[in-house]
Amino acid sequence: LHAGLDVKIISGDHPISTAHTARDVGIIKSSRNETFIDATAQKALFMQTFTTNSSAVTTKDIDHDQIAKLPSLVGIDSQLILSGSAFASLEAFPEVLTDIVLKSKVLARMKPEQKARAINILQMTGLQVAMVGDGANDSSAIKQASIGVSFSETDAAFSAPFITIGTSIKAISAILLEARATILNNIEVFKFMLMFSVIKYVTIFVLLSTGGNTTDGQILYTNFLGAIPIFVAIG
């Protein structure tokens, strides 16, 4: 949460228990309203809004004509919880489903194929998505994700590029730290190559303009000893 990432819970568990877990870890803020979108067995959508610091619950049926306006019906400050039944009902409305998945903090009662589909939707918007799981029902989602992490040495581990023997989410922090360190290292290498190339170009240009040229010793000096000040400057 402190790394500037949008953290979501995608689970097959009941929405109430999943939302409770999200509150405990700070993904859902208790100071803000919550909106729950679900669907009946007949695939009729409805929306429930839980007001902050109150037991009041507002229920609203969503007609077929209102589905296109569904993202705007959710309050700007409200935290969205989406059920697998509602996810299935919205599959016929790709643009609406994309907006709802992006806004959702919790996706509960999700089937394995729905988890992978949700990740694919996020990736289609240009996002890089990491998925953490521990069971066979997470395998397809872990395989679909840009970064897949398994907490288990079986089941999900077969499709996960990263496996941790622990059960702590801190494994993601280690992966992010390594990734960002790699990016920083690549930037520094690029800066070095750019500065080094400019120095060599200017040196040769000056020598040629005065009718001279670089000797083998000068090239060796530029390539090795001349690179040390650059290392110090960008280090």
Protein backbone atom coordinates (compact mmCIF):
# COMPACT_ATOMS: atom_id res chain seq x y z
CA LEU A 1 0.00 0.00 0.00
CA HIS A 2 2.89 2.38 0.78
CA ALA A 3 4.63 1.56 -2.53
CA GLY A 4 1.99 3.36 -4.56
CA LEU A 5 0.37 0.15 -5.77
CA ASP A 6 -3.34 -0.55 -6.18
CA VAL A 7 -3.91 -3.64 -4.02
CA LYS A 8 -6.98 -5.83 -4.54
CA ILE A 9 -8.21 -9.09 -3.06
CA ILE A 10 -9.46 -11.68 -5.57
CA SER A 11 -10.87 -14.62 -3.65
CA GLY A 12 -13.30 -17.48 -3.90
CA ASP A 13 -14.45 -16.88 -0.32
CA HIS A 14 -17.71 -15.26 0.78
CA PRO A 15 -17.88 -11.48 0.18
CA ILE A 16 -18.48 -10.72 3.87
CA SER A 17 -15.40 -12.61 5.09
CA THR A 18 -13.28 -11.30 2.21
CA ALA A 19 -14.32 -7.70 2.87
CA HIS A 20 -13.58 -8.17 6.58
CA THR A 21 -10.05 -9.33 5.72
CA ALA A 22 -9.63 -6.33 3.41
CA ARG A 23 -10.56 -4.02 6.29
CA ASP A 24 -8.12 -5.72 8.65
CA VAL A 25 -5.17 -5.19 6.28
CA GLY A 26 -6.16 -1.66 5.25
CA ILE A 27 -7.22 -2.33 1.65
CA ILE A 28 -10.72 -1.11 2.57
CA LYS A 29 -10.84 1.99 4.77
CA SER A 30 -13.44 1.92 7.55
CA SER A 31 -13.83 5.69 7.19
CA ARG A 32 -15.34 5.41 3.70
CA ASN A 33 -18.58 3.97 2.37
CA GLU A 34 -18.68 0.54 0.79
CA THR A 35 -20.69 -0.54 -2.25
CA PHE A 36 -21.41 -4.21 -2.91
CA ILE A 37 -22.50 -5.30 -6.40
CA ASP A 38 -24.05 -8.75 -6.63
CA ALA A 39 -26.44 -10.70 -8.82
CA THR A 40 -29.34 -13.04 -8.12
CA ALA A 41 -29.65 -16.57 -9.44
CA GLN A 42 -31.55 -15.07 -12.38
CA LYS A 43 -28.52 -12.82 -13.08
CA ALA A 44 -30.40 -9.69 -12.01
CA LEU A 45 -27.91 -7.15 -10.70
CA PHE A 46 -28.37 -5.19 -7.49
CA MET A 47 -26.22 -2.81 -5.50
CA GLN A 48 -25.94 -2.34 -1.74
CA THR A 49 -24.30 0.68 -0.14
CA PHE A 50 -23.07 0.54 3.45
CA THR A 51 -22.81 3.98 5.03
CA THR A 52 -19.81 4.79 7.22
CA ASN A 53 -20.38 4.64 10.99
CA SER A 54 -23.96 3.56 10.47
CA SER A 55 -25.95 0.37 10.21
CA ALA A 56 -27.98 1.79 7.32
CA VAL A 57 -27.88 -0.25 4.11
CA THR A 58 -29.29 1.09 0.86
CA THR A 59 -30.29 -1.50 -1.74
CA LYS A 60 -30.86 -0.59 -5.36
CA ASP A 61 -31.89 -2.89 -8.22
CA ILE A 62 -29.96 -2.28 -11.42
CA ASP A 63 -32.13 -2.47 -14.52
CA HIS A 64 -30.76 -3.62 -17.84
CA ASP A 65 -30.90 -0.05 -19.14
CA GLN A 66 -28.81 1.16 -16.17
CA ILE A 67 -25.94 -1.26 -16.61
CA ALA A 68 -24.10 1.06 -19.00
CA LYS A 69 -24.22 3.76 -16.29
CA LEU A 70 -23.18 1.41 -13.49
CA PRO A 71 -19.66 2.87 -12.96
CA SER A 72 -21.18 6.32 -12.42
CA LEU A 73 -23.80 4.94 -10.01
CA VAL A 74 -21.01 3.93 -7.66
CA GLY A 75 -20.04 6.87 -5.47
CA ILE A 76 -16.65 8.46 -6.12
CA ASP A 77 -15.59 7.95 -2.50
CA SER A 78 -17.22 4.54 -2.17
CA GLN A 79 -15.11 1.38 -2.04
CA LEU A 80 -16.37 -1.28 -4.41
CA ILE A 81 -16.87 -4.97 -3.66
CA LEU A 82 -17.78 -7.20 -6.60
CA SER A 83 -19.13 -10.75 -6.47
CA GLY A 84 -18.41 -13.51 -8.95
CA SER A 85 -22.12 -13.65 -9.87
CA ALA A 86 -22.11 -9.96 -10.78
CA PHE A 87 -18.83 -10.45 -12.66
CA ALA A 88 -20.49 -13.15 -14.77
CA SER A 89 -23.53 -10.96 -15.44
CA LEU A 90 -21.32 -8.08 -16.59
CA GLU A 91 -19.33 -10.23 -19.04
CA ALA A 92 -21.78 -9.15 -21.74
CA PHE A 93 -20.75 -5.53 -21.14
CA PRO A 94 -16.92 -5.49 -21.55
CA GLU A 95 -16.41 -1.74 -21.12
CA VAL A 96 -18.56 -1.62 -17.99
CA LEU A 97 -16.85 -4.70 -16.56
CA THR A 98 -13.43 -3.13 -17.14
CA ASP A 99 -14.40 0.04 -15.27
CA ILE A 100 -15.92 -1.95 -12.40
CA VAL A 101 -12.90 -4.27 -12.05
CA LEU A 102 -10.57 -1.25 -12.02
CA LYS A 103 -12.61 0.40 -9.25
CA SER A 104 -13.12 -2.77 -7.19
CA LYS A 105 -11.07 -3.30 -4.05
CA VAL A 106 -12.48 -6.79 -3.40
CA LEU A 107 -13.62 -9.44 -5.88
CA ALA A 108 -15.22 -12.30 -3.94
CA ARG A 109 -16.84 -15.64 -4.78
CA MET A 110 -14.72 -15.70 -7.92
CA LYS A 111 -14.25 -18.91 -9.87
CA PRO A 112 -10.70 -19.84 -11.00
CA GLU A 113 -11.39 -18.80 -14.59
CA GLN A 114 -12.92 -15.53 -13.39
CA LYS A 115 -9.75 -14.71 -11.44
CA ALA A 116 -7.66 -15.15 -14.58
CA ARG A 117 -10.19 -13.12 -16.58
CA ALA A 118 -10.07 -10.26 -14.05
CA ILE A 119 -6.29 -10.14 -14.27
CA ASN A 120 -6.46 -10.17 -18.06
CA ILE A 121 -8.88 -7.22 -17.95
CA LEU A 122 -6.44 -5.25 -15.81
CA GLN A 123 -3.56 -6.12 -18.14
CA MET A 124 -5.55 -4.97 -21.17
CA THR A 125 -5.64 -1.48 -19.65
CA GLY A 126 -1.83 -1.41 -19.70
CA LEU A 127 -1.26 -2.38 -16.06
CA GLN A 128 1.37 -4.81 -14.82
CA VAL A 129 -0.40 -7.21 -12.46
CA ALA A 130 1.03 -9.39 -9.69
CA MET A 131 -0.97 -12.31 -8.30
CA VAL A 132 -0.32 -14.16 -5.05
CA GLY A 133 -2.00 -17.50 -4.37
CA ASP A 134 -1.61 -20.81 -2.59
CA GLY A 135 -4.07 -23.25 -4.10
CA ALA A 136 -4.97 -25.02 -7.32
CA ASN A 137 -7.84 -22.57 -7.85
CA ASP A 138 -5.25 -19.77 -8.13
CA SER A 139 -3.10 -21.51 -10.76
CA SER A 140 -4.71 -19.99 -13.85
CA ALA A 141 -4.63 -16.48 -12.35
CA ILE A 142 -0.99 -16.84 -11.28
CA LYS A 143 -0.08 -18.02 -14.77
CA GLN A 144 -1.97 -15.10 -16.35
CA ALA A 145 -0.38 -12.46 -14.12
CA SER A 146 2.72 -10.47 -15.06
CA ILE A 147 4.23 -11.57 -11.74
CA GLY A 148 2.96 -14.82 -10.22
CA VAL A 149 3.84 -15.83 -6.66
CA SER A 150 2.87 -19.08 -4.99
CA PHE A 151 2.85 -19.69 -1.22
CA SER A 152 2.71 -23.40 -1.83
CA GLU A 153 5.23 -25.91 -3.16
CA THR A 154 2.40 -27.83 -4.80
CA ASP A 155 -0.72 -26.95 -6.82
CA ALA A 156 -0.18 -23.27 -7.70
CA ALA A 157 3.60 -23.69 -7.69
CA PHE A 158 3.46 -25.47 -11.06
CA SER A 159 2.37 -22.26 -12.80
CA ALA A 160 4.18 -19.71 -10.63
CA PRO A 161 7.54 -18.23 -11.71
CA PHE A 162 8.16 -17.24 -8.06
CA ILE A 163 7.71 -19.61 -5.11
CA THR A 164 8.14 -18.79 -1.44
CA ILE A 165 8.17 -21.36 1.35
CA GLY A 166 6.79 -18.78 3.77
CA THR A 167 3.22 -17.51 4.02
CA SER A 168 3.98 -13.80 4.27
CA ILE A 169 2.97 -11.22 1.71
CA LYS A 170 6.40 -9.66 2.28
CA ALA A 171 7.62 -11.86 -0.56
CA ILE A 172 6.04 -9.31 -2.91
CA SER A 173 8.09 -6.56 -1.24
CA ALA A 174 11.29 -8.49 -1.95
CA ILE A 175 10.31 -8.96 -5.60
CA LEU A 176 9.42 -5.28 -6.00
CA LEU A 177 12.67 -4.23 -4.33
CA GLU A 178 14.71 -6.41 -6.68
CA ALA A 179 12.76 -5.18 -9.71
CA ARG A 180 13.15 -1.51 -8.82
CA ALA A 181 16.85 -2.04 -8.07
CA THR A 182 17.23 -3.60 -11.53
CA ILE A 183 15.48 -0.64 -13.15
CA LEU A 184 17.70 1.80 -11.27
CA ASN A 185 20.79 -0.15 -12.27
CA ASN A 186 19.73 -0.08 -15.94
CA ILE A 187 19.24 3.68 -15.74
CA GLU A 188 22.71 4.16 -14.27
CA VAL A 189 24.26 1.94 -16.96
CA PHE A 190 22.47 3.97 -19.64
CA LYS A 191 23.78 7.21 -18.12
CA PHE A 192 27.30 5.77 -18.08
CA MET A 193 27.16 4.61 -21.69
CA LEU A 194 25.77 7.98 -22.78
CA MET A 195 28.43 10.02 -20.96
CA PHE A 196 31.20 7.69 -22.07
CA SER A 197 30.11 7.86 -25.72
CA VAL A 198 29.91 11.67 -25.61
CA ILE A 199 33.42 11.92 -24.14
CA LYS A 200 34.87 9.61 -26.81
CA TYR A 201 33.04 11.47 -29.58
CA VAL A 202 34.26 14.88 -28.39
CA THR A 203 37.82 13.58 -27.96
CA ILE A 204 38.01 12.13 -31.46
CA PHE A 205 36.34 15.22 -32.96
CA VAL A 206 38.91 17.53 -31.34
CA LEU A 207 41.82 15.35 -32.50
CA LEU A 208 40.54 15.12 -36.06
CA SER A 209 39.92 18.86 -36.21
CA THR A 210 43.58 19.46 -35.35
CA GLY A 211 44.83 16.90 -37.85
CA GLY A 212 45.60 14.24 -35.28
CA ASN A 213 44.18 10.84 -34.43
CA THR A 214 43.99 8.54 -31.41
CA THR A 215 46.76 6.05 -30.82
CA ASP A 216 46.24 2.57 -29.40
CA GLY A 217 47.43 3.78 -26.01
CA GLN A 218 45.01 6.70 -26.00
CA ILE A 219 42.10 4.42 -26.87
CA LEU A 220 43.11 2.09 -24.04
CA TYR A 221 43.36 5.05 -21.65
CA THR A 222 39.92 6.35 -22.67
CA ASN A 223 38.26 2.95 -22.39
CA PHE A 224 39.66 2.06 -18.99
CA LEU A 225 41.30 4.85 -17.00
CA GLY A 226 39.05 7.51 -18.48
CA ALA A 227 35.95 5.62 -17.34
CA ILE A 228 36.84 5.79 -13.63
CA PRO A 229 35.81 9.46 -13.14
CA ILE A 230 32.50 8.69 -14.82
CA PHE A 231 31.89 5.77 -12.46
CA VAL A 232 32.56 8.09 -9.52
CA ALA A 233 30.33 10.85 -10.93
CA ILE A 234 27.24 8.69 -11.47
CA GLY A 235 27.88 6.36 -8.52
